[in-house]
Amino acid sequence: MADLTNIIKNLHPLEIKVLLHYGLEDELTSVRLQKELNYKEGHANQAFSWLSGKGLLKEVSRTPHTYFELTDFGRSVLQNGLIEERIVNFLKENGPKLLPELAAGLGVENKDVGSAFGSLSKEGVLAMNAEKKAEVTGKELPARIAITKDLIKKAESAENAQLDAANLSKDELDAMGGLTKKRGISETPFKTIERETVVFKLCGQAKEVAEGLKSAGITGNEIGEITPNMLASGDWKKGTFRGYNISIPPARIIPGRINPYVQFLESVKDKLVSLGFQEFDGPLVETEFWNGDALFMPQFHAARDIHDVYRLKNPTHAKEIEEPYLSNVAAVHQNGGNSGSRGWNYQFDHEFTRRLIMRSQGTVLSAHQLHKAEIPGKYFGIARCFRYDKVDATHLSDFYQTEGIILGENVNLRTLLGMLEMFAVEVAGATEVKYVPGYFPFTEPSIEVHIKHPKLGWFELGGSGIFRPEVTKPMGIDVPVAAWGIGIDRMALMALGLNDLRELFCEDIEKVRLRKAKL
C-alpha cells in the first residue's frame, strides 16, 4: 500500500483523469483523449509517457499512415487551373509563342512555364517550332492532368484537406508521386505527412490506483497554481489543492560558458584571418539577383531547383538593384554580354530578380564582394543559410557555410585544392579525403570535397570551383577567382567527435558540457 500511496502522490492531473475515465480494456489513442478529455495533442502524449514510466500503461500497437495535405498552391490551382492546361489553352487561342511571351500572357514566372513545357513536350502535347516558339501538336492532354484535378477537388472537400494514401487507387498514387514533396515545398499541390497511430492500454496497478484516487476524492481538477484572478474572486477557497513535495532538492546551478560550436566557428575565423583572409558578411534576406542571377543561374532553368528557397511574404520585392551590375548581369543572361559567352538566350525578368528570399547559399557573399574586391585578394565569410531540406544526421533546414574567394593572376585549380585540403584535414580533422567532379552553374571546373566520418561514412563537405567569366566579368573582374562553399556544420561533426548535426544545437546541458571538455 505504501507503494500505491507513493504513486498516487506523484500523479499529475493529466494522468489522474486518464486513470479515472478509462478501464483496462479501453484502447487509448492521442485522438481519443483529445476528443473525450479535451486534451491537446501534447498533453495526451505527455500523459502516455508519464503513465508508461510508472508501469501503468503499455503500448499495444503502432500503425503507420501516410496523408497528402492540400497546400495553398494546390488551392490556387483549384481556382486558376493547372499550368499545363492553361498553356495548352493559351496556345490554342493565340497561336505559337516564345516561352517568355507565354509567361507574360499567363501572368506566371518563366521557370514555371519552362518546367511545364518540358513535361508536355516529352509527352508529345507541345513542340518547339523552327522559330523557337511553343505550339500545340494536337495530341490530347495526358491522363495525369485529369487525375490531378480530381485529386485536388477531392482533397479540398475532405476533412483537414487531407487524403489518406490507403484510400487512393494505384493510378492516383502514381500521379501523386509528382504532386507532393515531404519537405513542404509551397509550389506543389500537396505535401506528404507521415504519422503513426499508437494504441495504449492501462495495465499493472492502474485499476488499484484508480480506486485509490476515488477513495481519496482526487479528481484531477485540484488547484495547482493560484492566479491573481483567483485571489481577487475568492475562488481559491472553493477548491482543493494539489500536494507539493517540498523536500525535492533545488536544481543544480550551471555556470555560463561559451557554446562549443560557437567556439569552433571562432577558431575557423581565427585560422583564416591568420592566413591573410579578410572577413565579409551580408544580410540574411537577399534578392534573387544576388542569390542566383549574379551567379549565372538562369531564371527559368532547372538548375534553380538546386536551391529551394524561402520567399518573404512582406515585402516581396526589393525596390531596386544596384547599377551597372543589374544591366551587366542581364546582358550576360540574354546574350553573353562582355563575358565572351553566348549567355542563356532568354529575356531577363527584371521583376523576378528583385524578389526577396532568405539567403540559400554562402556564395551570395562572394557575389557581393567581387565588384569591390582588391586584386590580389583573399576573402571569407561565415554565412547562415536557409533551404528546404529533410532534417537528418547530415542535413539541416538552416545551416552554416564558410564561403571564400581568392582573386589573382596566378590563382588556379592547385590554389583551390590546397584550400580544400586545409579545411578537410586541419579544420575538420579528417584523415581520409577525396575530390570528385561536381556541377555548379557559376563555376567551371567544379569540385566537391568529400571526407570520411568514422560512423557516418563518406559525405560531401562542400563544393568549389573557378568562377566562370559570366560571373566575374559583369562585376569588373578580369583575373581568375577560386571560390568555395564548405558546410562548416559538417566540419564540426568531425572536429567535435559527433555523429549527428542536430547535436550541434542540443539543449541538453550535460551533453554540451561534455562536448566542451573535448575541445
Protein backbone atom coordinates (compact mmCIF):
# COMPACT_ATOMS: atom_id res chain seq x y z
CA MET A 1 0.00 0.00 0.00
CA ALA A 2 2.93 2.28 0.65
CA ASP A 3 3.95 1.98 -2.99
CA LEU A 4 0.38 2.69 -4.09
CA THR A 5 0.22 5.78 -1.87
CA ASN A 6 3.52 7.00 -3.25
CA ILE A 7 2.29 6.55 -6.85
CA ILE A 8 -0.90 8.48 -6.13
CA LYS A 9 1.06 11.35 -4.57
CA ASN A 10 3.20 11.70 -7.67
CA LEU A 11 0.45 11.62 -10.28
CA HIS A 12 -0.14 14.65 -12.49
CA PRO A 13 -3.73 15.78 -13.19
CA LEU A 14 -3.27 14.68 -16.83
CA GLU A 15 -2.57 11.13 -15.59
CA ILE A 16 -5.30 11.20 -12.98
CA LYS A 17 -8.05 11.97 -15.49
CA VAL A 18 -6.94 9.12 -17.75
CA LEU A 19 -6.92 6.63 -14.86
CA LEU A 20 -10.36 7.73 -13.66
CA HIS A 21 -12.06 7.78 -17.06
CA TYR A 22 -10.83 4.53 -18.63
CA GLY A 23 -10.63 0.83 -17.80
CA LEU A 24 -8.12 -1.88 -18.57
CA GLU A 25 -9.87 -2.92 -21.80
CA ASP A 26 -10.11 0.56 -23.30
CA GLU A 27 -7.87 1.27 -26.28
CA LEU A 28 -6.40 4.73 -25.82
CA THR A 29 -5.02 6.99 -28.55
CA SER A 30 -4.00 10.62 -28.62
CA VAL A 31 -7.03 11.44 -30.78
CA ARG A 32 -9.40 9.79 -28.32
CA LEU A 33 -8.03 11.78 -25.38
CA GLN A 34 -8.28 14.98 -27.38
CA LYS A 35 -11.96 14.31 -28.16
CA GLU A 36 -13.12 12.90 -24.82
CA LEU A 37 -10.92 14.72 -22.29
CA ASN A 38 -10.34 17.93 -24.28
CA TYR A 39 -6.58 17.33 -24.14
CA LYS A 40 -4.23 18.93 -26.59
CA GLU A 41 -2.06 16.50 -28.55
CA GLY A 42 0.98 17.37 -26.45
CA HIS A 43 -0.97 16.79 -23.21
CA ALA A 44 -2.13 13.37 -24.41
CA ASN A 45 1.37 12.30 -25.37
CA GLN A 46 2.76 13.59 -22.07
CA ALA A 47 0.15 11.61 -20.10
CA PHE A 48 1.03 8.45 -22.05
CA SER A 49 4.74 9.00 -21.39
CA TRP A 50 4.32 9.52 -17.65
CA LEU A 51 1.93 6.60 -17.17
CA SER A 52 4.22 4.30 -19.17
CA GLY A 53 7.15 5.33 -16.99
CA LYS A 54 5.18 4.35 -13.88
CA GLY A 55 4.25 0.97 -15.35
CA LEU A 56 0.55 1.87 -15.50
CA LEU A 57 0.28 1.91 -19.31
CA LYS A 58 1.60 -0.21 -22.17
CA GLU A 59 1.75 0.19 -25.93
CA VAL A 60 -0.28 -2.48 -27.76
CA SER A 61 0.02 -1.46 -31.42
CA ARG A 62 1.62 1.05 -33.76
CA THR A 63 0.22 1.68 -37.26
CA PRO A 64 1.91 3.98 -39.81
CA HIS A 65 -0.23 6.26 -42.02
CA THR A 66 0.61 8.47 -45.00
CA TYR A 67 -1.54 11.50 -45.80
CA PHE A 68 -1.40 14.02 -48.62
CA GLU A 69 -2.45 17.50 -47.49
CA LEU A 70 -3.57 20.20 -49.93
CA THR A 71 -1.25 23.24 -49.91
CA ASP A 72 -2.06 26.88 -50.59
CA PHE A 73 -0.53 26.37 -54.01
CA GLY A 74 -2.94 23.46 -54.56
CA ARG A 75 -5.87 25.73 -53.66
CA SER A 76 -4.64 28.30 -56.18
CA VAL A 77 -4.52 25.54 -58.80
CA LEU A 78 -8.11 24.69 -57.96
CA GLN A 79 -9.06 28.32 -58.59
CA ASN A 80 -6.85 29.14 -61.59
CA GLY A 81 -6.30 25.75 -63.22
CA LEU A 82 -3.18 23.67 -63.83
CA ILE A 83 -0.35 25.49 -65.58
CA GLU A 84 -0.11 22.75 -68.24
CA GLU A 85 -3.79 23.07 -69.11
CA ARG A 86 -3.57 26.89 -69.17
CA ILE A 87 -0.57 26.80 -71.50
CA VAL A 88 -2.30 24.47 -73.98
CA ASN A 89 -5.49 26.57 -73.97
CA PHE A 90 -3.50 29.80 -74.39
CA LEU A 91 -1.58 28.43 -77.39
CA LYS A 92 -4.78 27.13 -78.99
CA GLU A 93 -6.32 30.59 -78.73
CA ASN A 94 -3.27 32.73 -79.54
CA GLY A 95 -1.03 30.55 -81.70
CA PRO A 96 2.69 29.71 -81.19
CA LYS A 97 4.54 31.82 -78.63
CA LEU A 98 8.02 32.17 -77.19
CA LEU A 99 8.27 30.86 -73.62
CA PRO A 100 8.75 34.36 -72.11
CA GLU A 101 5.67 35.50 -74.09
CA LEU A 102 3.74 32.58 -72.65
CA ALA A 103 4.82 33.52 -69.13
CA ALA A 104 3.81 37.16 -69.65
CA GLY A 105 0.48 36.20 -71.21
CA LEU A 106 -0.41 33.85 -68.35
CA GLY A 107 0.99 36.06 -65.61
CA VAL A 108 3.36 33.39 -64.28
CA GLU A 109 7.12 33.09 -63.89
CA ASN A 110 9.46 31.98 -66.67
CA LYS A 111 10.70 28.95 -64.74
CA ASP A 112 7.16 27.63 -64.22
CA VAL A 113 6.43 27.84 -67.94
CA GLY A 114 9.78 26.21 -68.75
CA SER A 115 9.12 23.30 -66.40
CA ALA A 116 5.56 22.73 -67.70
CA PHE A 117 6.69 22.98 -71.33
CA GLY A 118 9.41 20.40 -70.68
CA SER A 119 6.89 17.90 -69.30
CA LEU A 120 4.33 18.44 -72.06
CA SER A 121 6.93 18.28 -74.84
CA LYS A 122 8.12 14.90 -73.53
CA GLU A 123 4.51 13.70 -73.62
CA GLY A 124 4.08 14.94 -77.19
CA VAL A 125 1.44 17.57 -76.38
CA LEU A 126 3.67 20.57 -77.19
CA ALA A 127 6.62 21.10 -79.50
CA MET A 128 9.10 23.84 -80.37
CA ASN A 129 8.86 25.07 -83.97
CA ALA A 130 11.65 26.44 -86.19
CA GLU A 131 11.16 29.91 -84.70
CA LYS A 132 11.79 28.55 -81.19
CA LYS A 133 8.13 29.08 -80.35
CA ALA A 134 5.98 26.64 -78.40
CA GLU A 135 3.00 25.22 -80.31
CA VAL A 136 0.38 22.52 -79.75
CA THR A 137 0.71 19.24 -81.65
CA GLY A 138 -2.95 18.26 -81.48
CA LYS A 139 -2.35 15.43 -79.04
CA GLU A 140 -4.72 15.31 -76.07
CA LEU A 141 -3.57 16.23 -72.57
CA PRO A 142 -2.20 13.22 -70.66
CA ALA A 143 -4.44 11.35 -68.23
CA ARG A 144 -2.39 12.62 -65.27
CA ILE A 145 -3.89 16.10 -65.74
CA ALA A 146 -7.46 14.86 -65.18
CA ILE A 147 -6.33 12.68 -62.25
CA THR A 148 -4.51 15.65 -60.70
CA LYS A 149 -7.61 17.87 -60.94
CA ASP A 150 -9.77 15.14 -59.38
CA LEU A 151 -7.30 14.66 -56.51
CA ILE A 152 -7.22 18.39 -55.75
CA LYS A 153 -11.03 18.60 -55.76
CA LYS A 154 -11.29 15.52 -53.56
CA ALA A 155 -8.77 16.95 -51.06
CA GLU A 156 -10.49 20.34 -50.98
CA SER A 157 -13.70 18.73 -49.73
CA ALA A 158 -12.00 16.23 -47.38
CA GLU A 159 -11.58 16.66 -43.62
CA ASN A 160 -8.48 18.77 -42.86
CA ALA A 161 -7.90 18.91 -46.66
CA GLN A 162 -6.06 15.57 -46.39
CA LEU A 163 -6.21 12.40 -48.46
CA ASP A 164 -5.33 9.05 -46.88
CA ALA A 165 -2.89 7.14 -49.11
CA ALA A 166 -4.67 3.91 -48.15
CA ASN A 167 -7.86 5.14 -49.87
CA LEU A 168 -6.22 6.10 -53.20
CA SER A 169 -6.08 3.92 -56.32
CA LYS A 170 -2.82 2.87 -57.96
CA ASP A 171 -3.24 5.48 -60.72
CA GLU A 172 -3.91 8.18 -58.12
CA LEU A 173 -0.85 7.16 -56.10
CA ASP A 174 1.30 7.19 -59.25
CA ALA A 175 0.06 10.70 -60.09
CA MET A 176 0.58 11.85 -56.51
CA GLY A 177 4.27 10.96 -56.81
CA GLY A 178 4.80 14.08 -58.92
CA LEU A 179 2.48 16.32 -56.92
CA THR A 180 3.97 16.22 -53.45
CA LYS A 181 7.21 16.53 -51.51
CA LYS A 182 7.96 15.67 -47.90
CA ARG A 183 9.94 18.88 -47.40
CA GLY A 184 6.86 21.10 -47.56
CA ILE A 185 7.67 22.94 -50.80
CA SER A 186 4.93 25.52 -51.30
CA GLU A 187 4.79 25.19 -55.09
CA THR A 188 3.45 21.64 -55.10
CA PRO A 189 -0.30 20.92 -54.81
CA PHE A 190 0.23 18.53 -51.89
CA LYS A 191 2.64 17.91 -49.07
CA THR A 192 3.26 14.46 -47.60
CA ILE A 193 2.54 13.91 -43.92
CA GLU A 194 3.60 10.66 -42.26
CA ARG A 195 2.06 9.78 -38.92
CA GLU A 196 1.70 6.78 -36.64
CA THR A 197 -1.38 5.76 -34.69
CA VAL A 198 -0.17 4.37 -31.37
CA VAL A 199 -2.67 2.46 -29.23
CA PHE A 200 -2.20 2.05 -25.47
CA LYS A 201 -3.97 0.14 -22.69
CA LEU A 202 -3.87 0.62 -18.95
CA CYS A 203 -2.11 -2.21 -17.10
CA GLY A 204 -0.45 -3.27 -13.85
CA GLN A 205 -1.75 -1.39 -10.81
CA ALA A 206 -3.84 1.04 -12.88
CA LYS A 207 -7.16 -0.31 -11.52
CA GLU A 208 -5.93 -0.18 -7.90
CA VAL A 209 -4.55 3.32 -8.40
CA ALA A 210 -7.88 4.47 -9.86
CA GLU A 211 -9.74 3.05 -6.82
CA GLY A 212 -7.26 4.78 -4.51
CA LEU A 213 -7.86 8.09 -6.30
CA LYS A 214 -11.61 7.73 -5.90
CA SER A 215 -11.27 6.84 -2.22
CA ALA A 216 -9.08 9.90 -1.64
CA GLY A 217 -11.54 12.13 -3.52
CA ILE A 218 -8.92 13.13 -6.08
CA THR A 219 -10.46 14.18 -9.40
CA GLY A 220 -7.59 15.72 -11.35
CA ASN A 221 -9.22 19.15 -11.11
CA GLU A 222 -7.29 20.17 -7.99
CA ILE A 223 -5.77 23.64 -7.95
CA GLY A 224 -2.10 23.58 -8.84
CA GLU A 225 -1.49 27.30 -9.23
CA ILE A 226 -3.10 30.35 -7.62
CA THR A 227 -3.63 33.22 -10.03
CA PRO A 228 -4.33 36.91 -9.28
CA ASN A 229 -7.90 36.42 -10.56
CA MET A 230 -8.47 33.54 -8.13
CA LEU A 231 -7.26 35.70 -5.24
CA ALA A 232 -9.45 38.62 -6.30
CA SER A 233 -12.59 36.49 -6.71
CA GLY A 234 -12.01 34.17 -3.77
CA ASP A 235 -12.35 31.07 -5.97
CA TRP A 236 -9.28 29.57 -4.30
CA LYS A 237 -11.39 28.97 -1.20
CA LYS A 238 -13.81 26.71 -3.08
CA GLY A 239 -11.37 24.12 -4.42
CA THR A 240 -8.85 21.62 -3.18
CA PHE A 241 -5.13 21.87 -3.78
CA ARG A 242 -2.55 19.56 -5.29
CA GLY A 243 0.13 18.29 -2.95
CA TYR A 244 3.71 19.54 -3.28
CA ASN A 245 6.93 17.79 -2.33
CA ILE A 246 9.00 20.45 -0.60
CA SER A 247 11.86 18.01 0.05
CA ILE A 248 12.89 17.91 -3.63
CA PRO A 249 16.44 19.32 -3.91
CA PRO A 250 16.90 22.55 -5.88
CA ALA A 251 18.20 22.46 -9.43
CA ARG A 252 21.95 22.41 -9.89
CA ILE A 253 23.33 25.79 -10.97
CA ILE A 254 25.21 25.58 -14.26
CA PRO A 255 27.68 28.44 -14.80
CA GLY A 256 27.62 30.12 -18.19
CA ARG A 257 30.32 29.33 -20.70
CA ILE A 258 30.87 29.65 -24.45
CA ASN A 259 28.96 27.10 -26.54
CA PRO A 260 31.40 24.58 -28.10
CA TYR A 261 30.03 25.12 -31.61
CA VAL A 262 30.35 28.90 -31.32
CA GLN A 263 33.92 28.39 -30.15
CA PHE A 264 34.57 26.14 -33.16
CA LEU A 265 33.25 28.82 -35.53
CA GLU A 266 35.54 31.38 -33.93
CA SER A 267 38.51 29.03 -34.31
CA VAL A 268 37.78 28.72 -38.06
CA LYS A 269 37.68 32.53 -38.34
CA ASP A 270 40.97 32.84 -36.45
CA LYS A 271 42.68 30.33 -38.73
CA LEU A 272 41.54 32.07 -41.93
CA VAL A 273 42.46 35.52 -40.65
CA SER A 274 45.91 34.22 -39.73
CA LEU A 275 46.28 33.11 -43.37
CA GLY A 276 45.68 36.67 -44.58
CA PHE A 277 41.97 36.46 -45.39
CA GLN A 278 39.61 39.39 -44.84
CA GLU A 279 36.14 38.61 -43.47
CA PHE A 280 32.98 39.70 -45.32
CA ASP A 281 29.33 39.45 -44.31
CA GLY A 282 25.87 40.21 -45.64
CA PRO A 283 22.15 40.20 -44.77
CA LEU A 284 20.08 37.06 -44.22
CA VAL A 285 17.45 38.46 -46.60
CA GLU A 286 18.68 38.62 -50.19
CA THR A 287 17.32 39.24 -53.68
CA GLU A 288 17.11 36.61 -56.41
CA PHE A 289 19.62 38.82 -58.22
CA TRP A 290 22.49 38.34 -55.80
CA ASN A 291 21.46 34.86 -54.68
CA GLY A 292 21.24 33.45 -58.20
CA ASP A 293 21.25 35.81 -61.19
CA ALA A 294 24.67 37.33 -60.40
CA LEU A 295 25.96 33.74 -60.18
CA PHE A 296 24.80 32.97 -63.75
CA MET A 297 21.94 30.73 -62.60
CA PRO A 298 19.23 31.10 -65.29
CA GLN A 299 15.84 32.23 -64.08
CA PHE A 300 13.96 29.54 -65.99
CA HIS A 301 16.37 26.62 -65.88
CA ALA A 302 16.03 23.52 -63.69
CA ALA A 303 19.40 24.42 -62.14
CA ARG A 304 17.47 26.91 -60.00
CA ASP A 305 15.83 23.91 -58.30
CA ILE A 306 19.19 23.10 -56.70
CA HIS A 307 18.50 25.95 -54.28
CA ASP A 308 14.93 25.73 -52.99
CA VAL A 309 14.41 28.96 -51.11
CA TYR A 310 12.17 30.59 -48.53
CA ARG A 311 10.42 33.63 -50.01
CA LEU A 312 9.42 36.67 -47.98
CA LYS A 313 5.71 37.33 -47.60
CA ASN A 314 6.03 41.05 -46.91
CA PRO A 315 7.73 42.88 -48.54
CA THR A 316 8.01 40.56 -51.54
CA HIS A 317 10.46 42.59 -53.66
CA ALA A 318 13.39 44.96 -53.25
CA LYS A 319 12.90 48.47 -54.63
CA GLU A 320 15.89 48.32 -56.98
CA ILE A 321 19.12 46.53 -57.87
CA GLU A 322 22.38 48.45 -57.98
CA GLU A 323 23.64 49.55 -61.39
CA PRO A 324 25.60 48.91 -63.55
CA TYR A 325 25.60 45.36 -62.15
CA LEU A 326 21.93 44.73 -62.95
CA SER A 327 22.38 45.70 -66.61
CA ASN A 328 25.66 43.80 -66.89
CA VAL A 329 24.21 40.59 -65.44
CA ALA A 330 21.02 40.89 -67.50
CA ALA A 331 23.13 41.20 -70.67
CA VAL A 332 25.18 38.13 -69.74
CA HIS A 333 22.00 36.09 -69.28
CA GLN A 334 20.45 37.32 -72.51
CA ASN A 335 23.37 37.20 -74.96
CA GLY A 336 26.61 36.75 -73.01
CA GLY A 337 27.33 40.45 -72.55
CA ASN A 338 31.03 41.13 -72.19
CA SER A 339 31.88 37.62 -70.95
CA GLY A 340 32.69 36.04 -74.31
CA SER A 341 29.84 33.55 -73.84
CA ARG A 342 26.52 33.19 -75.68
CA GLY A 343 24.56 33.52 -72.42
CA TRP A 344 21.28 31.70 -71.86
CA ASN A 345 19.37 33.36 -74.73
CA TYR A 346 16.19 34.40 -72.92
CA GLN A 347 14.54 37.66 -71.91
CA PHE A 348 15.85 38.54 -68.44
CA ASP A 349 12.98 39.08 -65.96
CA HIS A 350 13.64 42.35 -64.07
CA GLU A 351 10.64 41.74 -61.77
CA PHE A 352 11.75 38.25 -60.74
CA THR A 353 15.31 39.39 -59.98
CA ARG A 354 14.07 41.82 -57.25
CA ARG A 355 12.18 39.12 -55.33
CA LEU A 356 13.25 38.83 -51.68
CA ILE A 357 14.28 35.46 -50.24
CA MET A 358 16.20 34.03 -47.32
CA ARG A 359 19.84 33.51 -48.25
CA SER A 360 20.13 29.93 -49.56
CA GLN A 361 23.89 29.71 -50.14
CA GLY A 362 27.03 31.38 -48.86
CA THR A 363 28.19 32.13 -52.43
CA VAL A 364 25.92 35.17 -52.40
CA LEU A 365 28.53 36.85 -50.14
CA SER A 366 31.17 36.32 -52.81
CA ALA A 367 28.86 37.76 -55.47
CA HIS A 368 28.52 40.92 -53.37
CA GLN A 369 32.26 41.14 -52.76
CA LEU A 370 33.53 40.73 -56.32
CA HIS A 371 32.94 44.27 -57.56
CA LYS A 372 34.69 45.81 -54.53
CA ALA A 373 37.47 43.24 -54.03
CA GLU A 374 41.16 44.07 -54.11
CA ILE A 375 43.38 42.23 -56.58
CA PRO A 376 45.16 40.18 -55.47
CA GLY A 377 42.86 39.45 -52.52
CA LYS A 378 41.54 36.74 -50.20
CA TYR A 379 38.13 36.92 -48.53
CA PHE A 380 35.93 34.64 -46.43
CA GLY A 381 32.65 34.69 -44.54
CA ILE A 382 30.66 32.51 -42.14
CA ALA A 383 27.14 32.52 -43.58
CA ARG A 384 23.93 31.17 -42.10
CA CYS A 385 21.85 29.76 -44.97
CA PHE A 386 18.26 28.54 -45.31
CA ARG A 387 16.90 25.81 -47.60
CA TYR A 388 14.02 23.37 -47.62
CA ASP A 389 15.51 20.05 -46.54
CA LYS A 390 14.56 16.92 -44.68
CA VAL A 391 16.42 17.07 -41.37
CA ASP A 392 18.64 14.09 -40.62
CA ALA A 393 22.14 13.32 -39.31
CA THR A 394 23.86 15.24 -42.13
CA HIS A 395 21.19 17.77 -43.25
CA LEU A 396 19.53 20.76 -41.58
CA SER A 397 16.97 23.25 -42.92
CA ASP A 398 19.18 26.13 -41.78
CA PHE A 399 22.91 25.71 -41.60
CA TYR A 400 26.27 27.48 -41.70
CA GLN A 401 28.70 27.62 -44.61
CA THR A 402 32.17 29.08 -44.75
CA GLU A 403 32.38 30.85 -48.08
CA GLY A 404 35.50 32.30 -49.61
CA ILE A 405 37.24 33.59 -52.73
CA ILE A 406 40.85 34.10 -53.81
CA LEU A 407 41.50 36.57 -56.65
CA GLY A 408 44.74 36.94 -58.55
CA GLU A 409 46.62 36.47 -61.81
CA ASN A 410 48.26 33.26 -60.55
CA VAL A 411 45.15 31.71 -58.97
CA ASN A 412 44.38 28.25 -60.39
CA LEU A 413 42.99 24.84 -59.53
CA ARG A 414 46.05 23.95 -57.46
CA THR A 415 45.35 27.00 -55.28
CA LEU A 416 41.81 25.76 -54.71
CA LEU A 417 42.82 22.17 -53.91
CA GLY A 418 45.26 23.46 -51.30
CA MET A 419 42.48 25.37 -49.54
CA LEU A 420 40.13 22.36 -49.65
CA GLU A 421 42.79 20.14 -48.10
CA MET A 422 43.34 22.69 -45.34
CA PHE A 423 39.63 22.67 -44.50
CA ALA A 424 39.32 18.88 -44.62
CA VAL A 425 42.48 17.99 -42.69
CA GLU A 426 43.40 20.92 -40.45
CA VAL A 427 39.92 22.27 -39.61
CA ALA A 428 37.66 19.20 -39.81
CA GLY A 429 40.38 16.80 -38.68
CA ALA A 430 39.62 14.25 -41.43
CA THR A 431 42.18 11.53 -42.21
CA GLU A 432 40.58 10.36 -45.46
CA VAL A 433 39.76 12.94 -48.17
CA LYS A 434 38.74 12.65 -51.82
CA TYR A 435 37.85 15.11 -54.56
CA VAL A 436 35.15 14.41 -57.16
CA PRO A 437 33.92 16.41 -60.18
CA GLY A 438 30.81 18.47 -59.48
CA TYR A 439 28.41 20.82 -61.23
CA PHE A 440 27.53 24.36 -60.22
CA PRO A 441 26.14 26.93 -62.68
CA PHE A 442 28.69 29.52 -61.56
CA THR A 443 32.00 27.58 -61.60
CA GLU A 444 34.00 25.66 -64.19
CA PRO A 445 35.71 23.42 -63.36
CA SER A 446 33.70 22.45 -60.27
CA ILE A 447 34.92 20.18 -57.49
CA GLU A 448 33.28 18.58 -54.45
CA VAL A 449 35.39 17.58 -51.47
CA HIS A 450 34.30 14.50 -49.50
CA ILE A 451 35.56 13.31 -46.13
CA LYS A 452 35.07 10.02 -44.30
CA HIS A 453 33.40 10.09 -40.88
CA PRO A 454 34.17 7.11 -38.62
CA LYS A 455 30.45 6.30 -38.20
CA LEU A 456 28.55 8.19 -40.92
CA GLY A 457 30.93 7.15 -43.71
CA TRP A 458 31.67 9.36 -46.72
CA PHE A 459 29.74 12.60 -47.09
CA GLU A 460 30.15 15.83 -49.03
CA LEU A 461 31.90 18.60 -47.15
CA GLY A 462 31.26 21.27 -49.75
CA GLY A 463 31.56 22.49 -53.32
CA SER A 464 34.11 24.68 -55.05
CA GLY A 465 35.49 25.76 -58.40
CA ILE A 466 36.82 28.60 -60.53
CA PHE A 467 34.23 31.30 -61.16
CA ARG A 468 33.05 31.46 -64.76
CA PRO A 469 33.66 34.67 -66.75
CA GLU A 470 29.87 35.13 -66.81
CA VAL A 471 30.12 35.70 -63.02
CA THR A 472 33.29 37.79 -62.82
CA LYS A 473 33.16 39.96 -65.96
CA PRO A 474 29.87 41.75 -65.11
CA MET A 475 31.47 42.74 -61.80
CA GLY A 476 34.57 44.18 -63.49
CA ILE A 477 36.92 41.32 -62.55
CA ASP A 478 39.36 40.09 -65.24
CA VAL A 479 41.51 37.69 -63.16
CA PRO A 480 40.84 34.08 -62.10
CA VAL A 481 38.75 33.68 -58.95
CA ALA A 482 38.79 30.47 -56.90
CA ALA A 483 35.66 30.03 -54.77
CA TRP A 484 34.38 27.51 -52.24
CA GLY A 485 31.36 26.96 -50.04
CA ILE A 486 32.09 24.48 -47.25
CA GLY A 487 29.50 23.07 -44.84
CA ILE A 488 31.02 24.22 -41.60
CA ASP A 489 28.40 22.27 -39.60
CA ARG A 490 29.75 19.07 -41.15
CA MET A 491 33.34 20.03 -40.35
CA ALA A 492 32.21 20.45 -36.75
CA LEU A 493 30.92 16.85 -36.71
CA MET A 494 34.46 15.61 -37.21
CA ALA A 495 36.18 18.21 -35.06
CA LEU A 496 33.83 17.78 -32.08
CA GLY A 497 33.52 13.99 -32.38
CA LEU A 498 29.75 13.99 -33.08
CA ASN A 499 27.57 11.69 -35.20
CA ASP A 500 24.53 13.92 -35.85
CA LEU A 501 24.29 17.58 -36.93
CA ARG A 502 21.34 18.09 -34.58
CA GLU A 503 23.68 17.57 -31.65
CA LEU A 504 25.34 20.89 -32.51
CA PHE A 505 22.19 22.63 -31.29
CA CYS A 506 21.42 20.26 -28.42
CA GLU A 507 19.56 21.72 -25.45
CA ASP A 508 20.90 19.00 -23.10
CA ILE A 509 23.33 20.97 -20.93
CA GLU A 510 25.19 17.83 -19.84
CA LYS A 511 25.93 16.84 -23.44
CA VAL A 512 27.10 20.38 -24.16
CA ARG A 513 29.38 20.32 -21.11
CA LEU A 514 30.90 17.00 -22.25
CA ARG A 515 31.42 18.40 -25.73
CA LYS A 516 33.13 21.44 -24.22
CA ALA A 517 35.54 19.13 -22.39
CA LYS A 518 36.69 17.63 -25.73
CA LEU A 519 37.89 20.97 -27.08
